Amino acid sequence: MKSSLEHLPEKKQRELGRAVEIIEEEFADALNGASADFKKRGHIKKIILFGSYARGTWVDEPHTMKGYRSDYDILVIVNTAKLADRQYWDKAEDRLLWDPGVKTPVGLIVHGLREVNKALKEGQYFFTDIRRDGIVLHEIDDEPLAEPKHLTAWETFKAATQHFEKRFSDVDDFNAAASFLSAKGNMRLAAFQLHQAIEVAYSVFLLVHTNYSPPSHNLKFLRGLAEDIDRRLVEVWPRDQHRFAAWYNILNEAYVKARYSEHFEISDEALAWLIGRTEKLQSTVEAICSERLLQLEAKVR
C-alpha cells in the first residue's frame, strides 16, 4: 500500500498527522486500566486514508458546490473486532470534530483485522479499493492485508441487484411513516422515521456501488461516503444557508434523541423541508443506482 502524502498540501498533511495523534490517544485512553485480556492486548494495526484525499480528487471549496467539501475518510484496523465497537471511538470522533488542528471533517470506519481480510478474500470491493488506493498513515508492522478476490461481472451485478431490491423499498415506507406522523403532529417520531429513510437511502447507495455499508447511524458520515462516490448527490442538501445545515444536524441526532430525550424538538418548517429533501434524495439515489445496475448488467452480456 502507498504511504506518501506528498500529493496533499502541507496544511492537509498536518491535519492528518493531528488526526492520527487523536485517534491513537483516545484509543489508548479508552483501554487504560482495562482488566479484560482482549483490551490489555488491544492495539491499532493500521490507520489508512481512503477516498478522495487518497485518490487526489478532493474538493475543499465550501463557497462553491453549495458549500460542499470532502471529508477525510479513514479506516482504522484493530487487532480484534471486539475493539471496533463504537464505545471505544466516540471520544475520538468528538475530538476530531472539535479539535482546532483538524479543520476538515473526519469520517472513521473501524474494523478488526480478521474482518477486513475476510472481506478481501470474499471480494468485497470496498476494501479491495482501499487496499489498492489507500494510504497508510500508521501501522505497527508492514504485514500486508490479504490478497483480494476479484468478483466476476455476474457476481458484482447479482450482489448489487440483491442489495437494491431487498432494501430500497424501505426508504419509501420510512418516508410515508414520517409524513403520516407529521400530519398527526408527532414531530418527534416523524423525525426518527425520516432519519431512518435517509440512513437506508445512503446505505443502499453504498451497497450497490461498493458492496459495503458501515454500521453507522451518523447521517453526515454516510452522506460524505456517498457523495464522494457520486457528486450528483451533493445537490440534494443545500449547504449555503446556516438554517439548512442546522436542520440536517438536528435530524442527524434524531436516531437517539427523538426516542430518548425529552428535550428533542424540531419545527414544522424544518421537518417539512427535510421531508421534501429526503424525497429528492430518494429519487436521486434511485436514478443513480438504476444507472449503476444497467452498467453492471451490460458488462455481463
Protein backbone atom coordinates (compact mmCIF):
# COMPACT_ATOMS: atom_id res chain seq x y z
CA MET A 1 0.00 0.00 0.00
CA LYS A 2 1.03 3.61 -0.50
CA SER A 3 2.37 5.70 2.35
CA SER A 4 3.14 9.10 0.83
CA LEU A 5 1.01 12.21 1.33
CA GLU A 6 3.14 14.37 -0.95
CA HIS A 7 0.21 14.98 -3.28
CA LEU A 8 -1.56 16.87 -0.48
CA PRO A 9 -0.88 20.46 0.62
CA GLU A 10 1.25 20.77 3.77
CA LYS A 11 -1.77 22.04 5.71
CA LYS A 12 -3.68 18.86 4.89
CA GLN A 13 -0.69 16.71 5.82
CA ARG A 14 -0.51 18.44 9.22
CA GLU A 15 -4.23 17.93 9.76
CA LEU A 16 -3.97 14.23 9.01
CA GLY A 17 -0.98 13.94 11.35
CA ARG A 18 -3.03 15.56 14.10
CA ALA A 19 -5.98 13.26 13.32
CA VAL A 20 -3.75 10.21 13.75
CA GLU A 21 -2.49 11.56 17.10
CA ILE A 22 -6.07 12.00 18.33
CA ILE A 23 -7.12 8.53 17.20
CA GLU A 24 -4.16 6.91 18.94
CA GLU A 25 -4.51 8.97 22.13
CA GLU A 26 -8.23 8.38 22.57
CA PHE A 27 -7.98 4.68 21.80
CA ALA A 28 -5.21 4.30 24.38
CA ASP A 29 -7.30 6.23 26.89
CA ALA A 30 -10.33 4.02 26.21
CA LEU A 31 -8.27 0.94 27.10
CA ASN A 32 -6.42 2.47 30.04
CA GLY A 33 -6.79 0.39 33.21
CA ALA A 34 -8.71 -2.38 31.42
CA SER A 35 -8.75 -5.79 33.07
CA ALA A 36 -10.06 -7.90 30.18
CA ASP A 37 -7.31 -9.71 28.27
CA PHE A 38 -8.56 -8.61 24.85
CA LYS A 39 -8.35 -4.98 25.99
CA LYS A 40 -4.90 -5.41 27.50
CA ARG A 41 -3.67 -6.83 24.22
CA GLY A 42 -5.63 -4.33 22.15
CA HIS A 43 -3.81 -2.21 19.63
CA ILE A 44 -4.25 -0.45 16.32
CA LYS A 45 -2.79 -2.41 13.41
CA LYS A 46 -3.21 0.18 10.68
CA ILE A 47 -4.71 3.60 10.05
CA ILE A 48 -5.48 4.09 6.37
CA LEU A 49 -6.63 7.16 4.46
CA PHE A 50 -9.01 6.31 1.61
CA GLY A 51 -11.48 8.11 -0.62
CA SER A 52 -10.97 11.42 -2.39
CA TYR A 53 -7.97 12.61 -0.36
CA ALA A 54 -6.15 9.36 -1.07
CA ARG A 55 -7.07 9.48 -4.77
CA GLY A 56 -6.32 13.19 -5.16
CA THR A 57 -9.87 14.11 -6.19
CA TRP A 58 -10.96 16.01 -3.08
CA VAL A 59 -12.96 19.24 -3.06
CA ASP A 60 -12.22 21.89 -0.43
CA GLU A 61 -14.12 24.90 -1.68
CA PRO A 62 -17.04 25.43 0.72
CA HIS A 63 -18.02 28.63 -1.13
CA THR A 64 -18.83 26.55 -4.23
CA MET A 65 -20.99 23.47 -4.89
CA LYS A 66 -23.48 24.77 -2.30
CA GLY A 67 -20.90 24.63 0.45
CA TYR A 68 -19.57 21.14 -0.30
CA ARG A 69 -16.21 19.98 0.97
CA SER A 70 -14.71 16.49 1.03
CA ASP A 71 -14.17 14.63 4.29
CA TYR A 72 -11.09 12.71 5.32
CA ASP A 73 -12.15 9.06 5.08
CA ILE A 74 -10.13 6.93 7.48
CA LEU A 75 -10.19 3.18 8.10
CA VAL A 76 -8.82 2.08 11.46
CA ILE A 77 -7.90 -1.61 11.68
CA VAL A 78 -7.61 -3.02 15.19
CA ASN A 79 -6.30 -6.42 16.22
CA THR A 80 -9.71 -7.75 17.29
CA ALA A 81 -13.25 -6.97 16.15
CA LYS A 82 -14.32 -6.52 19.79
CA LEU A 83 -12.41 -3.24 19.84
CA ALA A 84 -14.26 -1.92 16.81
CA ASP A 85 -17.32 -1.30 18.98
CA ARG A 86 -18.39 2.35 18.97
CA GLN A 87 -17.85 2.72 22.73
CA TYR A 88 -14.09 2.80 22.11
CA TRP A 89 -14.30 5.51 19.43
CA ASP A 90 -16.95 8.03 20.49
CA LYS A 91 -14.45 10.31 22.24
CA ALA A 92 -12.06 10.16 19.31
CA GLU A 93 -14.84 11.23 16.96
CA ASP A 94 -15.82 14.08 19.29
CA ARG A 95 -12.23 15.36 19.45
CA LEU A 96 -11.82 15.09 15.69
CA LEU A 97 -14.96 17.20 15.32
CA TRP A 98 -13.82 20.00 17.63
CA ASP A 99 -10.01 19.94 17.67
CA PRO A 100 -8.66 23.22 16.22
CA GLY A 101 -5.87 21.32 14.49
CA VAL A 102 -8.30 19.39 12.30
CA LYS A 103 -10.44 21.75 10.24
CA THR A 104 -11.57 19.15 7.70
CA PRO A 105 -14.37 16.77 8.76
CA VAL A 106 -13.20 13.22 9.50
CA GLY A 107 -15.20 10.04 8.94
CA LEU A 108 -13.98 6.97 10.81
CA ILE A 109 -14.61 3.33 9.95
CA VAL A 110 -13.24 0.78 12.42
CA HIS A 111 -12.89 -2.96 11.81
CA GLY A 112 -10.89 -5.87 13.15
CA LEU A 113 -8.01 -7.18 11.04
CA ARG A 114 -9.68 -10.56 10.58
CA GLU A 115 -12.88 -8.84 9.38
CA VAL A 116 -11.02 -6.82 6.78
CA ASN A 117 -9.02 -9.79 5.49
CA LYS A 118 -12.18 -11.91 5.33
CA ALA A 119 -13.94 -9.17 3.33
CA LEU A 120 -10.99 -9.01 0.92
CA LYS A 121 -10.96 -12.78 0.43
CA GLU A 122 -14.71 -12.67 -0.28
CA GLY A 123 -14.23 -10.00 -2.91
CA GLN A 124 -15.88 -7.11 -1.06
CA TYR A 125 -14.63 -4.44 -3.39
CA PHE A 126 -15.00 -1.55 -0.97
CA PHE A 127 -12.00 -2.97 0.88
CA THR A 128 -10.32 -4.04 -2.35
CA ASP A 129 -10.34 -0.40 -3.47
CA ILE A 130 -8.91 0.71 -0.12
CA ARG A 131 -6.15 -1.88 -0.40
CA ARG A 132 -5.32 -0.62 -3.90
CA ASP A 133 -5.71 3.15 -3.45
CA GLY A 134 -5.44 3.73 0.30
CA ILE A 135 -2.53 5.49 2.00
CA VAL A 136 -1.16 4.09 5.26
CA LEU A 137 -0.95 6.82 7.90
CA HIS A 138 0.16 4.50 10.71
CA GLU A 139 0.95 0.81 11.15
CA ILE A 140 2.77 -1.26 13.75
CA ASP A 141 4.27 -3.53 11.12
CA ASP A 142 4.34 -3.85 7.36
CA GLU A 143 2.23 -7.02 7.24
CA PRO A 144 0.13 -6.69 4.08
CA LEU A 145 -3.61 -7.12 4.00
CA ALA A 146 -4.96 -10.29 2.41
CA GLU A 147 -4.91 -10.67 -1.35
CA PRO A 148 -8.37 -9.74 -2.61
CA LYS A 149 -10.67 -11.96 -4.59
CA HIS A 150 -11.93 -10.21 -7.70
CA LEU A 151 -15.63 -10.80 -8.30
CA THR A 152 -16.82 -11.64 -11.78
CA ALA A 153 -19.07 -9.23 -13.62
CA TRP A 154 -22.02 -11.52 -12.89
CA GLU A 155 -21.23 -11.74 -9.15
CA THR A 156 -20.92 -7.96 -8.92
CA PHE A 157 -24.20 -7.41 -10.77
CA LYS A 158 -26.01 -10.03 -8.70
CA ALA A 159 -24.82 -8.57 -5.37
CA ALA A 160 -25.75 -5.00 -6.34
CA THR A 161 -29.18 -6.06 -7.62
CA GLN A 162 -29.96 -8.01 -4.47
CA HIS A 163 -29.00 -5.10 -2.26
CA PHE A 164 -31.23 -2.71 -4.20
CA GLU A 165 -34.24 -4.99 -4.43
CA LYS A 166 -34.06 -6.02 -0.79
CA ARG A 167 -33.62 -2.62 0.84
CA PHE A 168 -34.63 0.32 -1.34
CA SER A 169 -38.40 -0.03 -0.84
CA ASP A 170 -37.80 0.62 2.88
CA VAL A 171 -36.93 4.21 2.04
CA ASP A 172 -40.43 4.83 0.69
CA ASP A 173 -42.02 3.20 3.75
CA PHE A 174 -39.98 5.31 6.18
CA ASN A 175 -40.82 8.45 4.19
CA ALA A 176 -44.51 7.58 4.28
CA ALA A 177 -44.36 6.97 8.03
CA ALA A 178 -42.65 10.34 8.55
CA SER A 179 -45.30 12.18 6.54
CA PHE A 180 -48.10 10.36 8.39
CA LEU A 181 -46.66 11.18 11.81
CA SER A 182 -46.00 14.77 10.80
CA ALA A 183 -49.64 15.17 9.75
CA LYS A 184 -50.66 13.83 13.17
CA GLY A 185 -48.42 16.39 14.84
CA ASN A 186 -45.93 13.89 16.24
CA MET A 187 -42.82 15.70 15.05
CA ARG A 188 -40.53 13.72 17.33
CA LEU A 189 -41.33 10.32 15.85
CA ALA A 190 -41.64 11.79 12.36
CA ALA A 191 -38.03 12.95 12.66
CA PHE A 192 -36.94 9.48 13.74
CA GLN A 193 -38.64 7.85 10.74
CA LEU A 194 -37.10 10.43 8.42
CA HIS A 195 -33.67 9.69 9.86
CA GLN A 196 -34.23 6.04 9.01
CA ALA A 197 -35.29 6.89 5.46
CA ILE A 198 -32.07 8.83 4.85
CA GLU A 199 -29.89 6.21 6.54
CA VAL A 200 -31.33 3.43 4.40
CA ALA A 201 -31.10 5.51 1.21
CA TYR A 202 -27.40 6.09 1.72
CA SER A 203 -26.83 2.53 2.88
CA VAL A 204 -28.44 1.13 -0.27
CA PHE A 205 -26.44 3.52 -2.43
CA LEU A 206 -23.19 2.39 -0.81
CA LEU A 207 -24.11 -1.29 -1.05
CA VAL A 208 -24.97 -1.01 -4.74
CA HIS A 209 -21.75 0.85 -5.51
CA THR A 210 -19.26 -0.79 -3.12
CA ASN A 211 -20.94 -3.93 -1.71
CA TYR A 212 -20.42 -2.40 1.75
CA SER A 213 -22.16 -0.01 4.11
CA PRO A 214 -20.66 0.84 7.51
CA PRO A 215 -22.68 0.03 10.65
CA SER A 216 -23.33 3.70 11.40
CA HIS A 217 -26.37 5.85 12.15
CA ASN A 218 -24.40 9.05 11.51
CA LEU A 219 -26.12 10.65 8.54
CA LYS A 220 -23.32 13.17 7.97
CA PHE A 221 -20.78 10.36 7.75
CA LEU A 222 -22.91 8.24 5.41
CA ARG A 223 -23.64 11.28 3.27
CA GLY A 224 -19.93 12.03 2.97
CA LEU A 225 -19.12 8.50 1.82
CA ALA A 226 -21.90 8.52 -0.75
CA GLU A 227 -21.15 12.00 -2.10
CA ASP A 228 -17.50 11.04 -2.52
CA ILE A 229 -18.65 8.32 -4.93
CA ASP A 230 -21.09 10.44 -6.94
CA ARG A 231 -21.09 14.23 -6.63
CA ARG A 232 -24.61 14.46 -8.05
CA LEU A 233 -25.77 13.67 -4.53
CA VAL A 234 -24.29 16.96 -3.29
CA GLU A 235 -27.16 18.84 -4.90
CA VAL A 236 -29.70 17.14 -2.63
CA TRP A 237 -28.68 19.01 0.53
CA PRO A 238 -28.03 22.76 0.08
CA ARG A 239 -25.30 23.93 2.44
CA ASP A 240 -25.32 27.62 1.56
CA GLN A 241 -27.70 28.63 4.37
CA HIS A 242 -26.99 28.09 8.05
CA ARG A 243 -30.54 27.00 8.86
CA PHE A 244 -30.41 24.15 6.33
CA ALA A 245 -27.22 22.80 7.88
CA ALA A 246 -28.71 23.23 11.36
CA TRP A 247 -31.86 21.31 10.39
CA TYR A 248 -29.80 18.45 8.98
CA ASN A 249 -27.78 18.35 12.20
CA ILE A 250 -30.97 18.14 14.26
CA LEU A 251 -32.16 15.23 12.13
CA ASN A 252 -28.77 13.57 12.46
CA GLU A 253 -29.35 13.47 16.23
CA ALA A 254 -32.88 12.09 15.91
CA TYR A 255 -31.86 8.43 15.91
CA VAL A 256 -31.18 8.66 19.65
CA LYS A 257 -32.64 11.92 20.88
CA ALA A 258 -36.04 11.66 19.17
CA ARG A 259 -36.64 8.46 21.12
CA TYR A 260 -34.92 9.07 24.44
CA SER A 261 -34.50 12.80 25.07
CA GLU A 262 -37.37 14.87 26.41
CA HIS A 263 -35.60 17.97 25.08
CA PHE A 264 -35.61 16.95 21.41
CA GLU A 265 -37.52 19.47 19.29
CA ILE A 266 -37.91 20.12 15.59
CA SER A 267 -40.08 22.78 13.97
CA ASP A 268 -42.85 22.21 11.44
CA GLU A 269 -40.88 24.28 8.91
CA ALA A 270 -37.72 22.26 9.39
CA LEU A 271 -39.48 18.93 9.16
CA ALA A 272 -41.40 19.93 6.03
CA TRP A 273 -38.15 20.99 4.35
CA LEU A 274 -36.38 17.81 5.42
CA ILE A 275 -39.22 15.63 4.13
CA GLY A 276 -39.02 17.37 0.76
CA ARG A 277 -35.25 16.96 0.54
CA THR A 278 -35.48 13.33 1.61
CA GLU A 279 -37.90 12.69 -1.25
CA LYS A 280 -35.33 14.34 -3.52
CA LEU A 281 -32.64 12.08 -2.06
CA GLN A 282 -34.82 9.03 -2.67
CA SER A 283 -35.39 9.87 -6.34
CA THR A 284 -31.73 10.76 -6.89
CA VAL A 285 -30.45 7.56 -5.28
CA GLU A 286 -32.94 5.51 -7.27
CA ALA A 287 -31.84 7.11 -10.53
CA ILE A 288 -28.11 6.72 -9.86
CA CYS A 289 -28.47 3.14 -8.61
CA SER A 290 -30.59 2.21 -11.62
CA GLU A 291 -27.89 3.67 -13.85
CA ARG A 292 -25.26 1.66 -11.98
CA LEU A 293 -27.23 -1.58 -12.33
CA LEU A 294 -27.65 -1.04 -16.07
CA GLN A 295 -23.89 -0.53 -16.39
CA LEU A 296 -23.18 -3.71 -14.45
CA GLU A 297 -25.73 -5.66 -16.47
CA ALA A 298 -24.10 -4.50 -19.70
CA LYS A 299 -20.79 -5.97 -18.53
CA VAL A 300 -22.46 -9.35 -18.01
CA ARG A 301 -23.74 -9.55 -21.56
